[in-house]
Amino acid sequence: QVQLVESGGGLVQAGGSLRLSCAASGSFFKINAMGWYRQAPGKQRELVATFTSGDMTNYADSVKGRFTISRDNAKNTVYLQMNILKPEDTAVYYCNAEIGAMRRNYWGQGTQVTVSS
């Protein structure tokens, strides 16, 4: 069983910063891809930033230049540094990982990020 545990969400004023963390635990051999998605009220879940299976990074256009994804492979942890936050960044942020040869997809429980204007 694989678990993704997120932390670091909260309330911040516009222009501020937050750092999210997601740690993968359980029994697995290899994380193929890992990253962050978000879902705002009334909207579909969307990609924010990910490490792809080819070790490339992929960012949503709306966060380029403001958000940075990084990882610690030894800890099976991925981070999302979010700077210059805007009210439109308000959403529940979900960690996602594709794991193993079967390419199974896992989601974290989500962490709320609220940016006040």
N, C-alpha and C. Protein backbone atom coordinates (compact mmCIF):
# COMPACT_ATOMS: atom_id res chain seq x y z
N GLN A 1 0.84 -1.18 0.00
CA GLN A 1 0.00 0.00 0.00
C GLN A 1 0.88 1.24 0.00
N VAL A 2 0.52 2.21 -0.81
CA VAL A 2 1.27 3.45 -0.92
C VAL A 2 0.44 4.58 -0.35
N GLN A 3 1.09 5.43 0.41
CA GLN A 3 0.42 6.61 0.95
C GLN A 3 1.21 7.86 0.56
N LEU A 4 0.45 8.90 0.22
CA LEU A 4 1.03 10.22 -0.03
C LEU A 4 0.50 11.16 1.04
N VAL A 5 1.39 11.79 1.76
CA VAL A 5 0.98 12.67 2.85
C VAL A 5 1.50 14.07 2.56
N GLU A 6 0.54 15.00 2.42
CA GLU A 6 0.89 16.39 2.12
C GLU A 6 0.91 17.22 3.40
N SER A 7 1.66 18.29 3.34
CA SER A 7 1.67 19.26 4.43
C SER A 7 2.09 20.61 3.88
N GLY A 8 1.80 21.67 4.66
CA GLY A 8 2.30 22.98 4.30
C GLY A 8 1.27 23.97 3.80
N GLY A 9 0.03 23.56 3.66
CA GLY A 9 -0.98 24.50 3.22
C GLY A 9 -1.32 25.50 4.30
N GLY A 10 -2.15 26.46 3.95
CA GLY A 10 -2.56 27.46 4.93
C GLY A 10 -3.12 28.70 4.28
N LEU A 11 -3.24 29.73 5.09
CA LEU A 11 -3.78 31.02 4.66
C LEU A 11 -2.63 32.01 4.55
N VAL A 12 -2.58 32.71 3.43
CA VAL A 12 -1.51 33.68 3.22
C VAL A 12 -2.07 34.87 2.44
N GLN A 13 -1.48 36.02 2.63
CA GLN A 13 -1.90 37.19 1.87
C GLN A 13 -1.31 37.17 0.47
N ALA A 14 -1.97 37.84 -0.43
CA ALA A 14 -1.47 37.94 -1.79
C ALA A 14 -0.05 38.50 -1.78
N GLY A 15 0.79 37.90 -2.60
CA GLY A 15 2.20 38.28 -2.65
C GLY A 15 3.08 37.45 -1.73
N GLY A 16 2.47 36.67 -0.87
CA GLY A 16 3.21 35.86 0.07
C GLY A 16 3.66 34.53 -0.53
N SER A 17 4.23 33.71 0.35
CA SER A 17 4.80 32.43 -0.08
C SER A 17 4.34 31.30 0.83
N LEU A 18 4.29 30.12 0.26
CA LEU A 18 4.05 28.89 1.02
C LEU A 18 4.89 27.79 0.38
N ARG A 19 5.21 26.79 1.20
CA ARG A 19 5.93 25.62 0.68
C ARG A 19 5.16 24.36 1.07
N LEU A 20 4.79 23.60 0.05
CA LEU A 20 4.09 22.34 0.27
C LEU A 20 5.08 21.18 0.20
N SER A 21 4.79 20.16 0.99
CA SER A 21 5.60 18.95 0.96
C SER A 21 4.68 17.75 0.76
N CYS A 22 5.20 16.73 0.10
CA CYS A 22 4.46 15.48 -0.08
C CYS A 22 5.45 14.34 0.04
N ALA A 23 5.20 13.47 1.00
CA ALA A 23 6.06 12.32 1.23
C ALA A 23 5.33 11.04 0.87
N ALA A 24 5.97 10.21 0.08
CA ALA A 24 5.42 8.91 -0.28
C ALA A 24 5.99 7.84 0.64
N SER A 25 5.09 7.00 1.13
CA SER A 25 5.53 5.90 1.99
C SER A 25 4.82 4.62 1.60
N GLY A 26 5.38 3.51 2.05
CA GLY A 26 4.78 2.22 1.74
C GLY A 26 5.76 1.32 1.01
N SER A 27 5.20 0.32 0.36
CA SER A 27 6.02 -0.68 -0.30
C SER A 27 6.01 -0.43 -1.80
N PHE A 28 7.11 0.06 -2.31
CA PHE A 28 7.24 0.27 -3.73
C PHE A 28 8.71 0.32 -4.11
N PHE A 29 8.96 0.09 -5.41
CA PHE A 29 10.33 0.07 -5.89
C PHE A 29 10.74 1.39 -6.50
N LYS A 30 9.84 1.96 -7.29
CA LYS A 30 10.25 3.15 -8.03
C LYS A 30 9.06 4.09 -8.22
N ILE A 31 9.31 5.37 -7.99
CA ILE A 31 8.34 6.41 -8.32
C ILE A 31 8.65 6.88 -9.74
N ASN A 32 7.70 6.71 -10.64
CA ASN A 32 7.93 7.09 -12.04
C ASN A 32 7.77 8.59 -12.25
N ALA A 33 6.74 9.14 -11.64
CA ALA A 33 6.45 10.56 -11.79
C ALA A 33 5.75 11.02 -10.52
N MET A 34 5.93 12.30 -10.20
CA MET A 34 5.34 12.81 -8.95
C MET A 34 5.17 14.31 -9.07
N GLY A 35 4.07 14.80 -8.54
CA GLY A 35 3.88 16.24 -8.65
C GLY A 35 2.62 16.72 -7.98
N TRP A 36 2.19 17.90 -8.39
CA TRP A 36 1.09 18.60 -7.73
C TRP A 36 0.00 18.99 -8.72
N TYR A 37 -1.23 18.82 -8.25
CA TYR A 37 -2.41 19.29 -8.95
C TYR A 37 -3.20 20.15 -7.96
N ARG A 38 -4.17 20.88 -8.49
CA ARG A 38 -5.02 21.66 -7.60
C ARG A 38 -6.44 21.70 -8.14
N GLN A 39 -7.37 21.93 -7.22
CA GLN A 39 -8.78 22.03 -7.60
C GLN A 39 -9.42 23.15 -6.81
N ALA A 40 -9.87 24.15 -7.53
CA ALA A 40 -10.58 25.27 -6.93
C ALA A 40 -12.08 24.96 -6.92
N PRO A 41 -12.85 25.61 -6.06
CA PRO A 41 -14.29 25.35 -6.00
C PRO A 41 -14.96 25.56 -7.35
N GLY A 42 -15.72 24.57 -7.77
CA GLY A 42 -16.45 24.68 -9.02
C GLY A 42 -15.62 24.47 -10.27
N LYS A 43 -14.36 24.11 -10.10
CA LYS A 43 -13.48 23.91 -11.25
C LYS A 43 -12.92 22.50 -11.26
N GLN A 44 -12.41 22.11 -12.43
CA GLN A 44 -11.79 20.80 -12.55
C GLN A 44 -10.39 20.80 -11.94
N ARG A 45 -9.95 19.63 -11.56
CA ARG A 45 -8.59 19.50 -11.06
C ARG A 45 -7.62 19.74 -12.22
N GLU A 46 -6.57 20.51 -11.92
CA GLU A 46 -5.62 20.86 -12.96
C GLU A 46 -4.19 20.63 -12.49
N LEU A 47 -3.32 20.39 -13.46
CA LEU A 47 -1.91 20.22 -13.16
C LEU A 47 -1.30 21.55 -12.73
N VAL A 48 -0.46 21.48 -11.71
CA VAL A 48 0.29 22.66 -11.27
C VAL A 48 1.75 22.50 -11.68
N ALA A 49 2.38 21.44 -11.19
CA ALA A 49 3.79 21.20 -11.51
C ALA A 49 4.09 19.74 -11.23
N THR A 50 4.87 19.13 -12.11
CA THR A 50 5.22 17.73 -11.91
C THR A 50 6.63 17.43 -12.39
N PHE A 51 7.20 16.38 -11.83
CA PHE A 51 8.35 15.71 -12.42
C PHE A 51 7.79 14.57 -13.25
N THR A 52 8.16 14.54 -14.51
CA THR A 52 7.65 13.49 -15.39
C THR A 52 8.51 12.23 -15.25
N SER A 53 8.07 11.16 -15.93
CA SER A 53 8.82 9.92 -15.89
C SER A 53 10.19 10.07 -16.54
N GLY A 54 10.37 11.09 -17.35
CA GLY A 54 11.67 11.36 -17.94
C GLY A 54 12.50 12.34 -17.16
N ASP A 55 12.10 12.58 -15.89
CA ASP A 55 12.82 13.50 -15.01
C ASP A 55 12.80 14.94 -15.50
N MET A 56 11.84 15.26 -16.32
CA MET A 56 11.65 16.64 -16.73
C MET A 56 10.62 17.28 -15.79
N THR A 57 10.65 18.59 -15.72
CA THR A 57 9.62 19.30 -14.96
C THR A 57 8.60 19.89 -15.93
N ASN A 58 7.38 19.96 -15.46
CA ASN A 58 6.29 20.46 -16.26
C ASN A 58 5.45 21.38 -15.38
N TYR A 59 5.25 22.61 -15.83
CA TYR A 59 4.51 23.60 -15.06
C TYR A 59 3.29 24.11 -15.83
N ALA A 60 2.24 24.40 -15.10
CA ALA A 60 1.12 25.13 -15.70
C ALA A 60 1.59 26.54 -16.05
N ASP A 61 1.09 27.07 -17.14
CA ASP A 61 1.50 28.42 -17.55
C ASP A 61 1.22 29.45 -16.47
N SER A 62 0.14 29.24 -15.73
CA SER A 62 -0.29 30.22 -14.73
C SER A 62 0.67 30.32 -13.54
N VAL A 63 1.54 29.34 -13.38
CA VAL A 63 2.44 29.36 -12.21
C VAL A 63 3.90 29.50 -12.59
N LYS A 64 4.19 29.47 -13.87
CA LYS A 64 5.59 29.58 -14.31
C LYS A 64 6.20 30.88 -13.81
N GLY A 65 7.41 30.77 -13.28
CA GLY A 65 8.11 31.92 -12.75
C GLY A 65 7.77 32.24 -11.31
N ARG A 66 6.72 31.61 -10.78
CA ARG A 66 6.32 31.85 -9.39
C ARG A 66 6.46 30.60 -8.51
N PHE A 67 6.19 29.46 -9.09
CA PHE A 67 6.25 28.19 -8.35
C PHE A 67 7.46 27.39 -8.81
N THR A 68 8.03 26.65 -7.87
CA THR A 68 9.16 25.77 -8.19
C THR A 68 8.95 24.42 -7.53
N ILE A 69 9.03 23.37 -8.34
CA ILE A 69 8.94 22.01 -7.81
C ILE A 69 10.35 21.47 -7.61
N SER A 70 10.53 20.76 -6.51
CA SER A 70 11.82 20.13 -6.24
C SER A 70 11.56 18.81 -5.53
N ARG A 71 12.61 18.02 -5.36
CA ARG A 71 12.40 16.72 -4.73
C ARG A 71 13.65 16.26 -4.00
N ASP A 72 13.40 15.35 -3.06
CA ASP A 72 14.47 14.67 -2.35
C ASP A 72 14.22 13.18 -2.56
N ASN A 73 14.96 12.58 -3.47
CA ASN A 73 14.71 11.18 -3.83
C ASN A 73 14.96 10.24 -2.65
N ALA A 74 15.92 10.59 -1.81
CA ALA A 74 16.23 9.73 -0.67
C ALA A 74 15.05 9.65 0.30
N LYS A 75 14.25 10.72 0.32
CA LYS A 75 13.10 10.78 1.23
C LYS A 75 11.78 10.52 0.51
N ASN A 76 11.85 10.24 -0.78
CA ASN A 76 10.62 10.05 -1.58
C ASN A 76 9.65 11.22 -1.37
N THR A 77 10.20 12.40 -1.39
CA THR A 77 9.43 13.60 -1.08
C THR A 77 9.57 14.61 -2.20
N VAL A 78 8.45 15.25 -2.51
CA VAL A 78 8.45 16.33 -3.48
C VAL A 78 7.92 17.58 -2.80
N TYR A 79 8.46 18.71 -3.22
CA TYR A 79 8.11 20.00 -2.62
C TYR A 79 7.57 20.94 -3.69
N LEU A 80 6.77 21.88 -3.25
CA LEU A 80 6.30 22.93 -4.14
C LEU A 80 6.48 24.26 -3.43
N GLN A 81 7.46 25.02 -3.88
CA GLN A 81 7.66 26.37 -3.35
C GLN A 81 6.80 27.32 -4.16
N MET A 82 5.89 28.00 -3.48
CA MET A 82 4.95 28.89 -4.14
C MET A 82 5.23 30.33 -3.69
N ASN A 83 5.65 31.15 -4.62
CA ASN A 83 5.94 32.55 -4.34
C ASN A 83 4.98 33.46 -5.09
N ILE A 84 4.92 34.69 -4.67
CA ILE A 84 4.06 35.70 -5.29
C ILE A 84 2.65 35.13 -5.48
N LEU A 85 2.11 34.59 -4.41
CA LEU A 85 0.80 33.96 -4.49
C LEU A 85 -0.29 34.97 -4.81
N LYS A 86 -1.26 34.50 -5.57
CA LYS A 86 -2.39 35.32 -5.98
C LYS A 86 -3.68 34.70 -5.46
N PRO A 87 -4.74 35.51 -5.32
CA PRO A 87 -6.02 34.93 -4.88
C PRO A 87 -6.49 33.79 -5.77
N GLU A 88 -6.18 33.85 -7.05
CA GLU A 88 -6.60 32.77 -7.96
C GLU A 88 -5.82 31.48 -7.76
N ASP A 89 -4.80 31.50 -6.92
CA ASP A 89 -4.10 30.26 -6.56
C ASP A 89 -4.83 29.50 -5.46
N THR A 90 -5.88 30.09 -4.90
CA THR A 90 -6.65 29.44 -3.85
C THR A 90 -7.28 28.15 -4.37
N ALA A 91 -7.00 27.05 -3.69
CA ALA A 91 -7.48 25.74 -4.13
C ALA A 91 -7.04 24.70 -3.10
N VAL A 92 -7.57 23.51 -3.27
CA VAL A 92 -7.02 22.35 -2.58
C VAL A 92 -5.92 21.77 -3.47
N TYR A 93 -4.75 21.63 -2.91
CA TYR A 93 -3.60 21.12 -3.65
C TYR A 93 -3.41 19.64 -3.32
N TYR A 94 -3.31 18.85 -4.38
CA TYR A 94 -3.18 17.41 -4.24
C TYR A 94 -1.84 16.93 -4.77
N CYS A 95 -1.22 16.05 -4.03
CA CYS A 95 -0.02 15.38 -4.49
C CYS A 95 -0.43 14.14 -5.30
N ASN A 96 0.30 13.89 -6.36
CA ASN A 96 0.03 12.74 -7.22
C ASN A 96 1.32 12.02 -7.52
N ALA A 97 1.25 10.70 -7.56
CA ALA A 97 2.43 9.91 -7.92
C ALA A 97 2.03 8.73 -8.78
N GLU A 98 2.84 8.47 -9.78
CA GLU A 98 2.70 7.25 -10.58
C GLU A 98 3.84 6.33 -10.16
N ILE A 99 3.48 5.13 -9.74
CA ILE A 99 4.47 4.26 -9.09
C ILE A 99 4.50 2.89 -9.72
N GLY A 100 5.72 2.37 -9.91
CA GLY A 100 5.92 0.98 -10.27
C GLY A 100 5.73 0.67 -11.73
N ALA A 101 6.04 -0.61 -12.04
CA ALA A 101 5.93 -1.09 -13.42
C ALA A 101 4.49 -1.09 -13.91
N MET A 102 3.54 -1.21 -12.98
CA MET A 102 2.12 -1.19 -13.35
C MET A 102 1.60 0.22 -13.56
N ARG A 103 2.46 1.21 -13.24
CA ARG A 103 2.12 2.63 -13.43
C ARG A 103 0.83 3.00 -12.70
N ARG A 104 0.72 2.57 -11.47
CA ARG A 104 -0.46 2.88 -10.68
C ARG A 104 -0.40 4.32 -10.19
N ASN A 105 -1.57 4.93 -10.16
CA ASN A 105 -1.69 6.33 -9.78
C ASN A 105 -2.21 6.46 -8.36
N TYR A 106 -1.57 7.33 -7.59
CA TYR A 106 -1.98 7.56 -6.21
C TYR A 106 -2.15 9.05 -5.97
N TRP A 107 -3.09 9.36 -5.06
CA TRP A 107 -3.37 10.75 -4.70
C TRP A 107 -3.24 10.93 -3.19
N GLY A 108 -2.78 12.11 -2.78
CA GLY A 108 -2.82 12.47 -1.39
C GLY A 108 -4.20 12.95 -1.01
N GLN A 109 -4.35 13.30 0.26
CA GLN A 109 -5.66 13.71 0.76
C GLN A 109 -5.97 15.16 0.44
N GLY A 110 -4.96 15.91 0.04
CA GLY A 110 -5.16 17.32 -0.30
C GLY A 110 -4.85 18.24 0.86
N THR A 111 -4.35 19.41 0.52
CA THR A 111 -4.08 20.44 1.52
C THR A 111 -4.60 21.77 1.00
N GLN A 112 -5.30 22.49 1.85
CA GLN A 112 -5.95 23.74 1.42
C GLN A 112 -4.94 24.88 1.39
N VAL A 113 -4.94 25.61 0.30
CA VAL A 113 -4.18 26.85 0.18
C VAL A 113 -5.18 27.97 -0.08
N THR A 114 -5.18 28.98 0.77
CA THR A 114 -6.07 30.12 0.62
C THR A 114 -5.24 31.38 0.57
N VAL A 115 -5.43 32.16 -0.49
CA VAL A 115 -4.69 33.41 -0.67
C VAL A 115 -5.70 34.55 -0.59
N SER A 116 -5.53 35.41 0.39
CA SER A 116 -6.44 36.54 0.56
C SER A 116 -5.92 37.75 -0.18
N SER A 117 -6.86 38.56 -0.64
CA SER A 117 -6.47 39.75 -1.41
C SER A 117 -6.28 40.97 -0.51
